[in-house]
Amino acid sequence: MGYIFIFLIGFGLAVAGGVSLIAYMNFLPAGLGWVEYFIFIKGRIECYFLPAGILLMAFVIYRYPNNL
């Protein structure tokens, strides 16, 4: 049960981070370049949720006990 809970937390973090990255892409048509975009998202904590969530999900998938 704990593995499923951690996996779902990781999934939620990955979704929140991915949505934030996509939402901040709306700055590109407003005249921001790719370099400025990456500098901007480097300073936003919610953009780090995507890699953190992917790492949590990968950890759970790797460590989940196989009962086969």
PDB file of N, CA and C in Angstrom:
ATOM      1  N   MET A   1       0.825  -1.192   0.000  1.00  0.00           N
ATOM      2  CA  MET A   1       0.000   0.000   0.000  1.00  0.00           C
ATOM      3  C   MET A   1       0.870   1.257   0.000  1.00  0.00           C
ATOM      4  N   GLY A   2       1.987   1.216   0.680  1.00  0.00           N
ATOM      5  CA  GLY A   2       2.873   2.365   0.722  1.00  0.00           C
ATOM      6  C   GLY A   2       3.479   2.681  -0.632  1.00  0.00           C
ATOM      7  N   TYR A   3       3.788   1.636  -1.405  1.00  0.00           N
ATOM      8  CA  TYR A   3       4.365   1.846  -2.731  1.00  0.00           C
ATOM      9  C   TYR A   3       3.368   2.547  -3.651  1.00  0.00           C
ATOM     10  N   ILE A   4       2.120   2.160  -3.557  1.00  0.00           N
ATOM     11  CA  ILE A   4       1.098   2.773  -4.403  1.00  0.00           C
ATOM     12  C   ILE A   4       0.921   4.242  -4.024  1.00  0.00           C
ATOM     13  N   PHE A   5       0.940   4.543  -2.741  1.00  0.00           N
ATOM     14  CA  PHE A   5       0.807   5.921  -2.270  1.00  0.00           C
ATOM     15  C   PHE A   5       1.961   6.785  -2.769  1.00  0.00           C
ATOM     16  N   ILE A   6       3.184   6.280  -2.663  1.00  0.00           N
ATOM     17  CA  ILE A   6       4.348   7.030  -3.138  1.00  0.00           C
ATOM     18  C   ILE A   6       4.287   7.203  -4.658  1.00  0.00           C
ATOM     19  N   PHE A   7       3.856   6.154  -5.356  1.00  0.00           N
ATOM     20  CA  PHE A   7       3.713   6.265  -6.812  1.00  0.00           C
ATOM     21  C   PHE A   7       2.707   7.345  -7.183  1.00  0.00           C
ATOM     22  N   LEU A   8       1.580   7.398  -6.488  1.00  0.00           N
ATOM     23  CA  LEU A   8       0.561   8.399  -6.797  1.00  0.00           C
ATOM     24  C   LEU A   8       1.035   9.806  -6.466  1.00  0.00           C
ATOM     25  N   ILE A   9       1.815   9.960  -5.405  1.00  0.00           N
ATOM     26  CA  ILE A   9       2.398  11.267  -5.103  1.00  0.00           C
ATOM     27  C   ILE A   9       3.353  11.666  -6.214  1.00  0.00           C
ATOM     28  N   GLY A  10       4.184  10.744  -6.665  1.00  0.00           N
ATOM     29  CA  GLY A  10       5.097  11.025  -7.762  1.00  0.00           C
ATOM     30  C   GLY A  10       4.360  11.380  -9.033  1.00  0.00           C
ATOM     31  N   PHE A  11       3.276  10.676  -9.308  1.00  0.00           N
ATOM     32  CA  PHE A  11       2.478  10.970 -10.494  1.00  0.00           C
ATOM     33  C   PHE A  11       1.875  12.369 -10.408  1.00  0.00           C
ATOM     34  N   GLY A  12       1.358  12.713  -9.255  1.00  0.00           N
ATOM     35  CA  GLY A  12       0.784  14.046  -9.068  1.00  0.00           C
ATOM     36  C   GLY A  12       1.822  15.146  -9.225  1.00  0.00           C
ATOM     37  N   LEU A  13       3.009  14.926  -8.675  1.00  0.00           N
ATOM     38  CA  LEU A  13       4.085  15.908  -8.825  1.00  0.00           C
ATOM     39  C   LEU A  13       4.497  16.054 -10.284  1.00  0.00           C
ATOM     40  N   ALA A  14       4.596  14.932 -10.986  1.00  0.00           N
ATOM     41  CA  ALA A  14       4.988  14.979 -12.395  1.00  0.00           C
ATOM     42  C   ALA A  14       3.937  15.721 -13.228  1.00  0.00           C
ATOM     43  N   VAL A  15       2.673  15.492 -12.944  1.00  0.00           N
ATOM     44  CA  VAL A  15       1.616  16.186 -13.679  1.00  0.00           C
ATOM     45  C   VAL A  15       1.655  17.680 -13.376  1.00  0.00           C
ATOM     46  N   ALA A  16       1.811  18.041 -12.110  1.00  0.00           N
ATOM     47  CA  ALA A  16       1.848  19.460 -11.740  1.00  0.00           C
ATOM     48  C   ALA A  16       3.042  20.159 -12.382  1.00  0.00           C
ATOM     49  N   GLY A  17       4.193  19.509 -12.378  1.00  0.00           N
ATOM     50  CA  GLY A  17       5.372  20.103 -13.000  1.00  0.00           C
ATOM     51  C   GLY A  17       5.239  20.212 -14.502  1.00  0.00           C
ATOM     52  N   GLY A  18       4.693  19.200 -15.137  1.00  0.00           N
ATOM     53  CA  GLY A  18       4.509  19.240 -16.583  1.00  0.00           C
ATOM     54  C   GLY A  18       3.513  20.299 -17.012  1.00  0.00           C
ATOM     55  N   VAL A  19       2.433  20.443 -16.260  1.00  0.00           N
ATOM     56  CA  VAL A  19       1.443  21.471 -16.570  1.00  0.00           C
ATOM     57  C   VAL A  19       2.058  22.858 -16.393  1.00  0.00           C
ATOM     58  N   SER A  20       2.880  23.029 -15.370  1.00  0.00           N
ATOM     59  CA  SER A  20       3.540  24.320 -15.158  1.00  0.00           C
ATOM     60  C   SER A  20       4.471  24.653 -16.310  1.00  0.00           C
ATOM     61  N   LEU A  21       5.243  23.675 -16.765  1.00  0.00           N
ATOM     62  CA  LEU A  21       6.140  23.925 -17.891  1.00  0.00           C
ATOM     63  C   LEU A  21       5.370  24.306 -19.148  1.00  0.00           C
ATOM     64  N   ILE A  22       4.272  23.620 -19.396  1.00  0.00           N
ATOM     65  CA  ILE A  22       3.464  23.929 -20.577  1.00  0.00           C
ATOM     66  C   ILE A  22       2.801  25.297 -20.423  1.00  0.00           C
ATOM     67  N   ALA A  23       2.338  25.605 -19.228  1.00  0.00           N
ATOM     68  CA  ALA A  23       1.692  26.908 -19.019  1.00  0.00           C
ATOM     69  C   ALA A  23       2.683  28.046 -19.211  1.00  0.00           C
ATOM     70  N   TYR A  24       3.907  27.872 -18.749  1.00  0.00           N
ATOM     71  CA  TYR A  24       4.908  28.924 -18.908  1.00  0.00           C
ATOM     72  C   TYR A  24       5.370  29.056 -20.359  1.00  0.00           C
ATOM     73  N   MET A  25       5.062  28.076 -21.202  1.00  0.00           N
ATOM     74  CA  MET A  25       5.392  28.213 -22.616  1.00  0.00           C
ATOM     75  C   MET A  25       4.557  29.297 -23.289  1.00  0.00           C
ATOM     76  N   ASN A  26       3.512  29.769 -22.617  1.00  0.00           N
ATOM     77  CA  ASN A  26       2.724  30.870 -23.163  1.00  0.00           C
ATOM     78  C   ASN A  26       3.524  32.163 -23.212  1.00  0.00           C
ATOM     79  N   PHE A  27       4.655  32.223 -22.520  1.00  0.00           N
ATOM     80  CA  PHE A  27       5.518  33.394 -22.596  1.00  0.00           C
ATOM     81  C   PHE A  27       6.274  33.457 -23.921  1.00  0.00           C
ATOM     82  N   LEU A  28       6.422  32.332 -24.605  1.00  0.00           N
ATOM     83  CA  LEU A  28       7.177  32.322 -25.862  1.00  0.00           C
ATOM     84  C   LEU A  28       6.516  33.183 -26.943  1.00  0.00           C
ATOM     85  N   PRO A  29       5.209  33.091 -27.167  1.00  0.00           N
ATOM     86  CA  PRO A  29       4.610  33.971 -28.178  1.00  0.00           C
ATOM     87  C   PRO A  29       4.617  35.445 -27.763  1.00  0.00           C
ATOM     88  N   ALA A  30       4.814  35.710 -26.482  1.00  0.00           N
ATOM     89  CA  ALA A  30       4.813  37.089 -26.002  1.00  0.00           C
ATOM     90  C   ALA A  30       6.160  37.770 -26.230  1.00  0.00           C
ATOM     91  N   GLY A  31       7.105  37.072 -26.845  1.00  0.00           N
ATOM     92  CA  GLY A  31       8.378  37.691 -27.177  1.00  0.00           C
ATOM     93  C   GLY A  31       9.564  37.160 -26.404  1.00  0.00           C
ATOM     94  N   LEU A  32       9.341  36.219 -25.504  1.00  0.00           N
ATOM     95  CA  LEU A  32      10.441  35.630 -24.748  1.00  0.00           C
ATOM     96  C   LEU A  32      11.114  34.572 -25.607  1.00  0.00           C
ATOM     97  N   GLY A  33      12.439  34.542 -25.605  1.00  0.00           N
ATOM     98  CA  GLY A  33      13.161  33.528 -26.365  1.00  0.00           C
ATOM     99  C   GLY A  33      13.333  32.258 -25.554  1.00  0.00           C
ATOM    100  N   TRP A  34      13.879  31.235 -26.209  1.00  0.00           N
ATOM    101  CA  TRP A  34      14.069  29.946 -25.525  1.00  0.00           C
ATOM    102  C   TRP A  34      15.068  30.060 -24.389  1.00  0.00           C
ATOM    103  N   VAL A  35      16.118  30.838 -24.573  1.00  0.00           N
ATOM    104  CA  VAL A  35      17.120  30.985 -23.516  1.00  0.00           C
ATOM    105  C   VAL A  35      16.511  31.665 -22.298  1.00  0.00           C
ATOM    106  N   GLU A  36      15.754  32.732 -22.516  1.00  0.00           N
ATOM    107  CA  GLU A  36      15.086  33.415 -21.406  1.00  0.00           C
ATOM    108  C   GLU A  36      14.050  32.517 -20.742  1.00  0.00           C
ATOM    109  N   TYR A  37      13.385  31.685 -21.547  1.00  0.00           N
ATOM    110  CA  TYR A  37      12.405  30.738 -20.999  1.00  0.00           C
ATOM    111  C   TYR A  37      13.072  29.756 -20.043  1.00  0.00           C
ATOM    112  N   PHE A  38      14.200  29.187 -20.464  1.00  0.00           N
ATOM    113  CA  PHE A  38      14.891  28.223 -19.597  1.00  0.00           C
ATOM    114  C   PHE A  38      15.470  28.894 -18.364  1.00  0.00           C
ATOM    115  N   ILE A  39      15.927  30.122 -18.486  1.00  0.00           N
ATOM    116  CA  ILE A  39      16.403  30.856 -17.315  1.00  0.00           C
ATOM    117  C   ILE A  39      15.238  31.121 -16.361  1.00  0.00           C
ATOM    118  N   PHE A  40      14.077  31.454 -16.914  1.00  0.00           N
ATOM    119  CA  PHE A  40      12.905  31.717 -16.082  1.00  0.00           C
ATOM    120  C   PHE A  40      12.459  30.475 -15.325  1.00  0.00           C
ATOM    121  N   ILE A  41      12.341  29.334 -16.041  1.00  0.00           N
ATOM    122  CA  ILE A  41      11.841  28.129 -15.362  1.00  0.00           C
ATOM    123  C   ILE A  41      12.877  27.548 -14.418  1.00  0.00           C
ATOM    124  N   LYS A  42      14.139  27.905 -14.587  1.00  0.00           N
ATOM    125  CA  LYS A  42      15.163  27.438 -13.647  1.00  0.00           C
ATOM    126  C   LYS A  42      14.921  27.998 -12.249  1.00  0.00           C
ATOM    127  N   GLY A  43      14.321  29.168 -12.171  1.00  0.00           N
ATOM    128  CA  GLY A  43      14.063  29.796 -10.887  1.00  0.00           C
ATOM    129  C   GLY A  43      12.712  29.486 -10.284  1.00  0.00           C
ATOM    130  N   ARG A  44      11.894  28.712 -10.963  1.00  0.00           N
ATOM    131  CA  ARG A  44      10.556  28.391 -10.462  1.00  0.00           C
ATOM    132  C   ARG A  44      10.559  27.007  -9.825  1.00  0.00           C
ATOM    133  N   ILE A  45      10.156  26.929  -8.563  1.00  0.00           N
ATOM    134  CA  ILE A  45      10.213  25.662  -7.822  1.00  0.00           C
ATOM    135  C   ILE A  45       9.211  24.649  -8.374  1.00  0.00           C
ATOM    136  N   GLU A  46       8.067  25.106  -8.881  1.00  0.00           N
ATOM    137  CA  GLU A  46       7.064  24.156  -9.359  1.00  0.00           C
ATOM    138  C   GLU A  46       7.506  23.443 -10.625  1.00  0.00           C
ATOM    139  N   CYS A  47       8.483  23.978 -11.325  1.00  0.00           N
ATOM    140  CA  CYS A  47       8.992  23.300 -12.513  1.00  0.00           C
ATOM    141  C   CYS A  47       9.893  22.122 -12.153  1.00  0.00           C
ATOM    142  N   TYR A  48      10.387  22.099 -10.934  1.00  0.00           N
ATOM    143  CA  TYR A  48      11.199  20.977 -10.478  1.00  0.00           C
ATOM    144  C   TYR A  48      10.348  19.791 -10.024  1.00  0.00           C
ATOM    145  N   PHE A  49       9.025  19.971  -9.983  1.00  0.00           N
ATOM    146  CA  PHE A  49       8.145  18.870  -9.602  1.00  0.00           C
ATOM    147  C   PHE A  49       8.147  17.763 -10.649  1.00  0.00           C
ATOM    148  N   LEU A  50       8.323  18.102 -11.916  1.00  0.00           N
ATOM    149  CA  LEU A  50       8.321  17.094 -12.982  1.00  0.00           C
ATOM    150  C   LEU A  50       9.451  16.085 -12.800  1.00  0.00           C
ATOM    151  N   PRO A  51      10.720  16.504 -12.704  1.00  0.00           N
ATOM    152  CA  PRO A  51      11.763  15.490 -12.512  1.00  0.00           C
ATOM    153  C   PRO A  51      11.665  14.778 -11.162  1.00  0.00           C
ATOM    154  N   ALA A  52      11.211  15.493 -10.117  1.00  0.00           N
ATOM    155  CA  ALA A  52      11.061  14.845  -8.815  1.00  0.00           C
ATOM    156  C   ALA A  52       9.995  13.753  -8.875  1.00  0.00           C
ATOM    157  N   GLY A  53       8.893  14.036  -9.541  1.00  0.00           N
ATOM    158  CA  GLY A  53       7.830  13.034  -9.674  1.00  0.00           C
ATOM    159  C   GLY A  53       8.255  11.846 -10.503  1.00  0.00           C
ATOM    160  N   ILE A  54       8.996  12.103 -11.577  1.00  0.00           N
ATOM    161  CA  ILE A  54       9.481  10.996 -12.410  1.00  0.00           C
ATOM    162  C   ILE A  54      10.451  10.124 -11.620  1.00  0.00           C
ATOM    163  N   LEU A  55      11.294  10.742 -10.813  1.00  0.00           N
ATOM    164  CA  LEU A  55      12.224   9.964  -9.988  1.00  0.00           C
ATOM    165  C   LEU A  55      11.483   9.131  -8.945  1.00  0.00           C
ATOM    166  N   LEU A  56      10.466   9.702  -8.324  1.00  0.00           N
ATOM    167  CA  LEU A  56       9.680   8.932  -7.350  1.00  0.00           C
ATOM    168  C   LEU A  56       8.992   7.743  -8.010  1.00  0.00           C
ATOM    169  N   MET A  57       8.390   7.960  -9.170  1.00  0.00           N
ATOM    170  CA  MET A  57       7.722   6.859  -9.857  1.00  0.00           C
ATOM    171  C   MET A  57       8.721   5.794 -10.293  1.00  0.00           C
ATOM    172  N   ALA A  58       9.880   6.206 -10.790  1.00  0.00           N
ATOM    173  CA  ALA A  58      10.897   5.241 -11.199  1.00  0.00           C
ATOM    174  C   ALA A  58      11.404   4.441 -10.002  1.00  0.00           C
ATOM    175  N   PHE A  59      11.577   5.108  -8.865  1.00  0.00           N
ATOM    176  CA  PHE A  59      12.018   4.417  -7.651  1.00  0.00           C
ATOM    177  C   PHE A  59      11.010   3.359  -7.225  1.00  0.00           C
ATOM    178  N   VAL A  60       9.722   3.707  -7.252  1.00  0.00           N
ATOM    179  CA  VAL A  60       8.695   2.758  -6.831  1.00  0.00           C
ATOM    180  C   VAL A  60       8.606   1.595  -7.808  1.00  0.00           C
ATOM    181  N   ILE A  61       8.683   1.884  -9.094  1.00  0.00           N
ATOM    182  CA  ILE A  61       8.606   0.805 -10.087  1.00  0.00           C
ATOM    183  C   ILE A  61       9.801  -0.131  -9.945  1.00  0.00           C
ATOM    184  N   TYR A  62      10.964   0.442  -9.652  1.00  0.00           N
ATOM    185  CA  TYR A  62      12.165  -0.385  -9.498  1.00  0.00           C
ATOM    186  C   TYR A  62      12.127  -1.198  -8.216  1.00  0.00           C
ATOM    187  N   ARG A  63      11.620  -0.620  -7.124  1.00  0.00           N
ATOM    188  CA  ARG A  63      11.650  -1.267  -5.821  1.00  0.00           C
ATOM    189  C   ARG A  63      10.402  -2.090  -5.519  1.00  0.00           C
ATOM    190  N   TYR A  64       9.361  -2.020  -6.344  1.00  0.00           N
ATOM    191  CA  TYR A  64       8.128  -2.740  -6.046  1.00  0.00           C
ATOM    192  C   TYR A  64       8.409  -4.241  -6.002  1.00  0.00           C
ATOM    193  N   PRO A  65       8.003  -4.911  -4.915  1.00  0.00           N
ATOM    194  CA  PRO A  65       8.333  -6.338  -4.797  1.00  0.00           C
ATOM    195  C   PRO A  65       7.547  -7.191  -5.792  1.00  0.00           C
ATOM    196  N   ASN A  66       8.242  -8.049  -6.459  1.00  0.00           N
ATOM    197  CA  ASN A  66       7.609  -8.998  -7.376  1.00  0.00           C
ATOM    198  C   ASN A  66       7.248 -10.262  -6.626  1.00  0.00           C
ATOM    199  N   ASN A  67       6.001 -10.617  -6.679  1.00  0.00           N
ATOM    200  CA  ASN A  67       5.544 -11.824  -5.996  1.00  0.00           C
ATOM    201  C   ASN A  67       5.235 -12.937  -6.992  1.00  0.00           C
ATOM    202  N   LEU A  68       5.881 -12.921  -8.129  1.00  0.00           N
ATOM    203  CA  LEU A  68       5.627 -13.943  -9.143  1.00  0.00           C
ATOM    204  C   LEU A  68       6.522 -15.136  -8.963  1.00  0.00           C
TER     205      LEU A  68
END
